[in-house]
Amino acid sequence: MYIRTSRLDLDDYNHEAQEGLHITSMAGTWMSLVQGFGGMRVSGDELSFDAMLPTQWKSYQFKVLFREKIYTVRVDEKGSHIQIVESS
């Protein structure tokens, strides 16, 4: 399903891209990357990640703003790397 939602407008499955983009499909793609593959969870005031790398991918990266901090999460063949920066 990740491939289907991520490619919906790029491949113009429904032959309607000229009418606009499917924002809900884009949101589903983001959620499946961040919460699915990235394993992002929120419990109370705590943010955690339990990331996995699909076998066909070399890496992926995303940013999340949570409690006035910007988390940059990069997942590659060597593991997960998280950088936290205070937002201004």
N, C-alpha and C. Protein backbone atom coordinates (compact mmCIF):
# COMPACT_ATOMS: atom_id res chain seq x y z
N MET A 1 0.82 -1.20 0.00
CA MET A 1 0.00 0.00 0.00
C MET A 1 0.86 1.26 0.00
N TYR A 2 2.06 1.17 0.62
CA TYR A 2 2.94 2.34 0.61
C TYR A 2 3.24 2.77 -0.82
N ILE A 3 3.61 1.82 -1.66
CA ILE A 3 3.95 2.13 -3.06
C ILE A 3 2.74 2.73 -3.77
N ARG A 4 1.58 2.19 -3.55
CA ARG A 4 0.37 2.68 -4.21
C ARG A 4 0.09 4.14 -3.82
N THR A 5 0.13 4.46 -2.53
CA THR A 5 -0.16 5.83 -2.12
C THR A 5 0.94 6.79 -2.54
N SER A 6 2.18 6.34 -2.48
CA SER A 6 3.28 7.24 -2.83
C SER A 6 3.36 7.51 -4.34
N ARG A 7 2.86 6.61 -5.14
CA ARG A 7 2.95 6.77 -6.60
C ARG A 7 1.65 7.24 -7.25
N LEU A 8 0.58 7.41 -6.46
CA LEU A 8 -0.74 7.73 -7.01
C LEU A 8 -0.72 8.90 -7.99
N ASP A 9 -0.21 10.03 -7.56
CA ASP A 9 -0.18 11.20 -8.45
C ASP A 9 1.01 11.18 -9.41
N LEU A 10 2.13 10.60 -8.98
CA LEU A 10 3.31 10.55 -9.85
C LEU A 10 3.03 9.72 -11.10
N ASP A 11 2.34 8.61 -10.92
CA ASP A 11 2.04 7.74 -12.06
C ASP A 11 0.65 8.00 -12.64
N ASP A 12 -0.09 8.90 -12.01
CA ASP A 12 -1.43 9.31 -12.47
C ASP A 12 -2.32 8.09 -12.73
N TYR A 13 -2.41 7.23 -11.70
CA TYR A 13 -3.21 6.01 -11.80
C TYR A 13 -4.64 6.26 -12.29
N ASN A 14 -5.24 7.33 -11.80
CA ASN A 14 -6.65 7.61 -12.11
C ASN A 14 -6.84 8.56 -13.29
N HIS A 15 -5.75 8.94 -13.94
CA HIS A 15 -5.80 9.85 -15.09
C HIS A 15 -6.54 11.15 -14.76
N GLU A 16 -6.18 11.72 -13.60
CA GLU A 16 -6.83 12.95 -13.16
C GLU A 16 -5.85 13.93 -12.50
N ALA A 17 -4.56 13.74 -12.70
CA ALA A 17 -3.57 14.61 -12.05
C ALA A 17 -3.74 16.07 -12.45
N GLN A 18 -4.27 16.31 -13.63
CA GLN A 18 -4.48 17.68 -14.08
C GLN A 18 -5.51 18.40 -13.21
N GLU A 19 -6.31 17.66 -12.44
CA GLU A 19 -7.32 18.25 -11.57
C GLU A 19 -6.77 18.61 -10.19
N GLY A 20 -5.57 18.20 -9.89
CA GLY A 20 -4.96 18.50 -8.59
C GLY A 20 -4.39 17.24 -7.95
N LEU A 21 -3.73 17.45 -6.84
CA LEU A 21 -3.07 16.36 -6.14
C LEU A 21 -3.96 15.80 -5.03
N HIS A 22 -3.70 14.59 -4.64
CA HIS A 22 -4.46 13.91 -3.60
C HIS A 22 -3.73 14.09 -2.27
N ILE A 23 -4.09 15.13 -1.53
CA ILE A 23 -3.39 15.46 -0.28
C ILE A 23 -3.54 14.34 0.75
N THR A 24 -4.67 13.64 0.77
CA THR A 24 -4.82 12.55 1.73
C THR A 24 -3.90 11.38 1.40
N SER A 25 -3.65 11.17 0.14
CA SER A 25 -2.70 10.13 -0.26
C SER A 25 -1.28 10.52 0.16
N MET A 26 -0.95 11.80 0.00
CA MET A 26 0.36 12.28 0.44
C MET A 26 0.51 12.12 1.95
N ALA A 27 -0.55 12.42 2.70
CA ALA A 27 -0.52 12.27 4.16
C ALA A 27 -0.34 10.80 4.54
N GLY A 28 -1.01 9.91 3.84
CA GLY A 28 -0.87 8.48 4.10
C GLY A 28 0.55 8.00 3.82
N THR A 29 1.16 8.54 2.78
CA THR A 29 2.54 8.19 2.46
C THR A 29 3.47 8.64 3.57
N TRP A 30 3.28 9.89 4.04
CA TRP A 30 4.11 10.42 5.12
C TRP A 30 3.93 9.57 6.38
N MET A 31 2.68 9.25 6.72
CA MET A 31 2.41 8.47 7.92
C MET A 31 3.01 7.07 7.84
N SER A 32 2.93 6.44 6.68
CA SER A 32 3.49 5.10 6.57
C SER A 32 5.02 5.12 6.65
N LEU A 33 5.64 6.19 6.17
CA LEU A 33 7.09 6.31 6.30
C LEU A 33 7.48 6.58 7.74
N VAL A 34 6.89 7.61 8.35
CA VAL A 34 7.30 8.06 9.68
C VAL A 34 6.82 7.11 10.78
N GLN A 35 5.54 6.76 10.78
CA GLN A 35 5.01 5.91 11.83
C GLN A 35 5.18 4.42 11.53
N GLY A 36 5.19 4.08 10.25
CA GLY A 36 5.38 2.68 9.87
C GLY A 36 6.84 2.28 9.86
N PHE A 37 7.55 2.65 8.80
CA PHE A 37 8.97 2.30 8.68
C PHE A 37 9.81 2.95 9.78
N GLY A 38 9.51 4.21 10.12
CA GLY A 38 10.28 4.93 11.14
C GLY A 38 9.93 4.52 12.56
N GLY A 39 8.78 3.88 12.74
CA GLY A 39 8.38 3.40 14.06
C GLY A 39 8.13 4.50 15.08
N MET A 40 7.74 5.70 14.64
CA MET A 40 7.53 6.80 15.57
C MET A 40 6.29 6.55 16.42
N ARG A 41 6.46 6.74 17.72
CA ARG A 41 5.36 6.62 18.67
C ARG A 41 5.46 7.75 19.69
N VAL A 42 4.31 8.18 20.18
CA VAL A 42 4.24 9.18 21.24
C VAL A 42 3.55 8.55 22.42
N SER A 43 4.18 8.62 23.58
CA SER A 43 3.61 8.11 24.81
C SER A 43 3.78 9.20 25.87
N GLY A 44 2.68 9.86 26.20
CA GLY A 44 2.76 10.98 27.14
C GLY A 44 3.57 12.10 26.53
N ASP A 45 4.64 12.47 27.20
CA ASP A 45 5.53 13.53 26.70
C ASP A 45 6.76 12.97 25.99
N GLU A 46 6.77 11.67 25.74
CA GLU A 46 7.95 11.03 25.16
C GLU A 46 7.73 10.63 23.71
N LEU A 47 8.74 10.88 22.92
CA LEU A 47 8.74 10.51 21.51
C LEU A 47 9.77 9.40 21.34
N SER A 48 9.40 8.33 20.64
CA SER A 48 10.36 7.25 20.41
C SER A 48 10.28 6.78 18.96
N PHE A 49 11.35 6.12 18.53
CA PHE A 49 11.44 5.59 17.18
C PHE A 49 11.96 4.15 17.25
N ASP A 50 11.36 3.29 16.47
CA ASP A 50 11.81 1.90 16.32
C ASP A 50 11.84 1.63 14.82
N ALA A 51 12.84 2.18 14.18
CA ALA A 51 12.90 2.21 12.72
C ALA A 51 13.37 0.90 12.12
N MET A 52 12.93 0.67 10.89
CA MET A 52 13.40 -0.46 10.08
C MET A 52 13.65 0.04 8.67
N LEU A 53 14.54 -0.60 7.98
CA LEU A 53 14.88 -0.23 6.61
C LEU A 53 14.37 -1.32 5.67
N PRO A 54 13.44 -0.97 4.78
CA PRO A 54 12.99 -1.97 3.80
C PRO A 54 14.20 -2.50 3.01
N THR A 55 14.17 -3.78 2.67
CA THR A 55 15.32 -4.41 2.03
C THR A 55 15.71 -3.76 0.70
N GLN A 56 14.75 -3.16 -0.01
CA GLN A 56 15.04 -2.56 -1.32
C GLN A 56 15.65 -1.16 -1.19
N TRP A 57 15.64 -0.56 -0.01
CA TRP A 57 16.08 0.83 0.19
C TRP A 57 17.50 0.88 0.75
N LYS A 58 18.19 1.94 0.41
CA LYS A 58 19.52 2.20 0.99
C LYS A 58 19.41 3.09 2.22
N SER A 59 18.44 4.02 2.21
CA SER A 59 18.26 4.93 3.34
C SER A 59 16.99 5.74 3.16
N TYR A 60 16.59 6.42 4.22
CA TYR A 60 15.54 7.43 4.16
C TYR A 60 15.75 8.37 5.34
N GLN A 61 15.13 9.54 5.24
CA GLN A 61 15.30 10.56 6.27
C GLN A 61 14.02 11.39 6.36
N PHE A 62 13.70 11.82 7.57
CA PHE A 62 12.56 12.72 7.76
C PHE A 62 12.80 13.58 8.99
N LYS A 63 12.01 14.65 9.09
CA LYS A 63 12.07 15.55 10.24
C LYS A 63 10.70 15.61 10.89
N VAL A 64 10.71 15.77 12.21
CA VAL A 64 9.48 15.88 12.99
C VAL A 64 9.67 16.99 14.03
N LEU A 65 8.70 17.86 14.14
CA LEU A 65 8.69 18.88 15.19
C LEU A 65 7.84 18.34 16.33
N PHE A 66 8.45 18.22 17.53
CA PHE A 66 7.74 17.69 18.68
C PHE A 66 8.21 18.43 19.92
N ARG A 67 7.28 19.05 20.62
CA ARG A 67 7.58 19.76 21.87
C ARG A 67 8.72 20.75 21.71
N GLU A 68 8.65 21.56 20.66
CA GLU A 68 9.61 22.63 20.37
C GLU A 68 11.01 22.13 20.06
N LYS A 69 11.12 20.88 19.65
CA LYS A 69 12.39 20.31 19.20
C LYS A 69 12.18 19.71 17.82
N ILE A 70 13.20 19.86 16.98
CA ILE A 70 13.16 19.27 15.64
C ILE A 70 14.01 18.01 15.67
N TYR A 71 13.37 16.90 15.37
CA TYR A 71 14.05 15.62 15.30
C TYR A 71 14.33 15.29 13.84
N THR A 72 15.58 15.08 13.50
CA THR A 72 15.95 14.61 12.18
C THR A 72 16.32 13.14 12.32
N VAL A 73 15.57 12.30 11.65
CA VAL A 73 15.79 10.85 11.74
C VAL A 73 16.29 10.36 10.40
N ARG A 74 17.43 9.71 10.42
CA ARG A 74 17.99 9.10 9.21
C ARG A 74 18.19 7.63 9.50
N VAL A 75 17.70 6.80 8.58
CA VAL A 75 17.84 5.35 8.72
C VAL A 75 18.60 4.86 7.50
N ASP A 76 19.67 4.12 7.75
CA ASP A 76 20.44 3.56 6.64
C ASP A 76 20.89 2.16 7.01
N GLU A 77 21.74 1.60 6.19
CA GLU A 77 22.19 0.22 6.40
C GLU A 77 23.00 0.04 7.68
N LYS A 78 23.50 1.15 8.25
CA LYS A 78 24.28 1.08 9.48
C LYS A 78 23.41 1.24 10.73
N GLY A 79 22.14 1.64 10.56
CA GLY A 79 21.25 1.80 11.70
C GLY A 79 20.47 3.10 11.66
N SER A 80 19.94 3.48 12.81
CA SER A 80 19.15 4.71 12.94
C SER A 80 20.01 5.79 13.57
N HIS A 81 19.84 7.01 13.07
CA HIS A 81 20.60 8.15 13.56
C HIS A 81 19.60 9.29 13.82
N ILE A 82 19.57 9.78 15.05
CA ILE A 82 18.61 10.83 15.40
C ILE A 82 19.37 12.04 15.90
N GLN A 83 19.05 13.18 15.31
CA GLN A 83 19.63 14.45 15.72
C GLN A 83 18.49 15.33 16.24
N ILE A 84 18.70 15.95 17.40
CA ILE A 84 17.66 16.79 17.99
C ILE A 84 18.17 18.22 18.07
N VAL A 85 17.35 19.16 17.58
CA VAL A 85 17.70 20.57 17.58
C VAL A 85 16.54 21.35 18.19
N GLU A 86 16.84 22.26 19.11
CA GLU A 86 15.80 23.13 19.67
C GLU A 86 15.29 24.03 18.56
N SER A 87 13.97 24.16 18.45
CA SER A 87 13.42 25.07 17.44
C SER A 87 13.39 26.49 18.00
N SER A 88 13.37 27.46 17.11
CA SER A 88 13.36 28.84 17.58
C SER A 88 12.05 29.52 17.31
